[in-house]
Amino acid sequence: MAFSDNLKSEQFHHFLEGLLHRYKDSGKILMILDNARIHHALSLQPFLKVNEEKLELLYLPSYSPDLNPMEWFWKFLRKQVTHNTFFDTYKKFQRAITKFIRKFKRSSIEIQTRCNYEKLLMAG
């Protein structure tokens, strides 16, 4: 999880570098992404080529929210954390989201159900 004031390819590149550093002793990382522009930025290509043995990006088909469990998770998060809630500072908003995400860091029955996790595994 990472927070950024804006979402540009430089921030995504930095996130990927941090991911590789954090998991440097594990196997290859397969990251499933939507088709946001920053995920396809040409400026990322040299970095991805150098790290192709350690990192692979797999893109979901366009316009396929039913295949993207994160869409369901964000909806669940918003309902649980932000609906009918006023945060008087951005920092408090960040803390609430971070606390919620940490609660579900490991997979749970609730997340598997909400994200159709088992259904995706069966389809794959």
Protein backbone atom coordinates (compact mmCIF):
# COMPACT_ATOMS: atom_id res chain seq x y z
CA MET A 1 0.00 0.00 0.00
CA ALA A 2 1.27 3.43 -0.88
CA PHE A 3 -0.17 6.93 -0.78
CA SER A 4 0.68 9.63 -3.26
CA ASP A 5 -0.52 13.18 -3.88
CA ASN A 6 -0.84 12.37 -7.57
CA LEU A 7 -0.83 9.26 -9.67
CA LYS A 8 1.71 9.43 -12.46
CA SER A 9 4.06 6.92 -14.00
CA GLU A 10 6.94 8.17 -11.82
CA GLN A 11 5.04 7.28 -8.65
CA PHE A 12 4.09 3.87 -10.05
CA HIS A 13 7.71 3.25 -11.06
CA HIS A 14 8.81 4.17 -7.52
CA PHE A 15 6.14 1.83 -6.09
CA LEU A 16 7.42 -1.06 -8.24
CA GLU A 17 11.01 -0.39 -7.16
CA GLY A 18 9.89 -0.49 -3.53
CA LEU A 19 7.98 -3.71 -4.15
CA LEU A 20 11.05 -5.38 -5.65
CA HIS A 21 13.21 -4.18 -2.78
CA ARG A 22 10.76 -5.36 -0.13
CA TYR A 23 10.40 -8.81 -1.70
CA LYS A 24 13.95 -9.16 -3.04
CA ASP A 25 14.38 -12.60 -1.47
CA SER A 26 11.15 -14.08 -2.81
CA GLY A 27 10.33 -15.52 -6.21
CA LYS A 28 8.98 -13.72 -9.25
CA ILE A 29 6.19 -11.23 -8.55
CA LEU A 30 3.13 -11.36 -10.79
CA MET A 31 1.13 -8.16 -10.52
CA ILE A 32 -2.40 -8.06 -11.95
CA LEU A 33 -3.38 -4.58 -13.05
CA ASP A 34 -6.21 -2.68 -14.61
CA ASN A 35 -5.53 -0.62 -17.70
CA ALA A 36 -4.80 2.72 -16.09
CA ARG A 37 -2.49 4.81 -18.27
CA ILE A 38 0.28 4.82 -15.70
CA HIS A 39 0.44 1.02 -15.81
CA HIS A 40 1.28 1.17 -19.54
CA ALA A 41 3.63 4.17 -19.51
CA LEU A 42 6.43 3.92 -22.07
CA SER A 43 8.85 5.31 -19.48
CA LEU A 44 8.38 2.07 -17.48
CA GLN A 45 9.48 -0.23 -20.30
CA PRO A 46 13.26 -0.08 -19.67
CA PHE A 47 12.71 -0.77 -15.96
CA LEU A 48 10.34 -3.68 -16.71
CA LYS A 49 12.81 -5.14 -19.23
CA VAL A 50 15.69 -5.03 -16.71
CA ASN A 51 13.48 -6.67 -14.06
CA GLU A 52 11.56 -9.14 -16.23
CA GLU A 53 12.98 -12.11 -14.30
CA LYS A 54 11.68 -10.68 -11.02
CA LEU A 55 8.50 -8.84 -12.03
CA GLU A 56 5.70 -9.49 -14.51
CA LEU A 57 2.72 -7.23 -15.12
CA LEU A 58 -0.48 -8.90 -16.27
CA TYR A 59 -3.30 -6.67 -17.49
CA LEU A 60 -7.00 -7.39 -17.11
CA PRO A 61 -9.13 -7.03 -20.24
CA SER A 62 -10.54 -3.54 -20.76
CA TYR A 63 -13.93 -2.83 -19.23
CA SER A 64 -14.02 -5.95 -17.08
CA PRO A 65 -14.85 -4.88 -13.52
CA ASP A 66 -16.29 -8.35 -12.90
CA LEU A 67 -12.77 -9.78 -13.28
CA ASN A 68 -11.18 -7.17 -11.03
CA PRO A 69 -11.62 -8.11 -7.36
CA MET A 70 -10.16 -4.76 -6.34
CA GLU A 71 -13.25 -3.00 -7.70
CA TRP A 72 -15.34 -4.95 -5.21
CA PHE A 73 -12.84 -4.37 -2.42
CA TRP A 74 -12.85 -0.57 -3.00
CA LYS A 75 -16.65 -0.57 -2.93
CA PHE A 76 -16.57 -2.55 0.33
CA LEU A 77 -13.90 -0.23 1.78
CA ARG A 78 -15.85 2.90 0.88
CA LYS A 79 -19.02 1.50 2.44
CA GLN A 80 -17.21 0.52 5.64
CA VAL A 81 -14.86 3.49 6.01
CA THR A 82 -15.95 6.58 4.15
CA HIS A 83 -19.73 6.52 3.71
CA ASN A 84 -21.46 8.99 6.03
CA THR A 85 -18.13 9.87 7.62
CA PHE A 86 -16.44 13.24 7.76
CA PHE A 87 -12.67 13.39 8.16
CA ASP A 88 -11.51 16.86 9.13
CA THR A 89 -7.99 16.17 7.91
CA TYR A 90 -6.52 14.15 5.08
CA LYS A 91 -4.25 12.42 7.62
CA LYS A 92 -7.29 11.05 9.51
CA PHE A 93 -8.77 9.84 6.24
CA GLN A 94 -5.48 8.08 5.39
CA ARG A 95 -5.29 6.47 8.84
CA ALA A 96 -8.85 5.11 8.56
CA ILE A 97 -8.14 3.57 5.16
CA THR A 98 -4.80 2.16 6.30
CA LYS A 99 -6.37 0.61 9.41
CA PHE A 100 -9.08 -1.02 7.29
CA ILE A 101 -6.64 -2.40 4.72
CA ARG A 102 -4.35 -3.78 7.42
CA LYS A 103 -7.35 -5.54 8.97
CA PHE A 104 -7.79 -7.45 5.70
CA LYS A 105 -4.10 -7.80 4.80
CA ARG A 106 -4.43 -11.55 4.87
CA SER A 107 -7.21 -13.18 2.90
CA SER A 108 -10.38 -13.91 4.82
CA ILE A 109 -13.73 -15.51 4.09
CA GLU A 110 -15.29 -12.06 3.92
CA ILE A 111 -12.78 -10.80 1.35
CA GLN A 112 -12.94 -14.02 -0.67
CA THR A 113 -16.72 -13.70 -0.79
CA ARG A 114 -16.82 -9.97 -1.54
CA CYS A 115 -14.13 -10.19 -4.20
CA ASN A 116 -15.39 -13.44 -5.75
CA TYR A 117 -11.89 -14.73 -5.07
CA GLU A 118 -12.88 -18.39 -5.17
CA LYS A 119 -14.85 -17.88 -8.38
CA LEU A 120 -11.79 -16.31 -10.04
CA LEU A 121 -9.60 -19.22 -8.93
CA MET A 122 -12.06 -21.72 -10.41
CA ALA A 123 -12.22 -19.76 -13.70
CA GLY A 124 -8.41 -19.52 -13.97
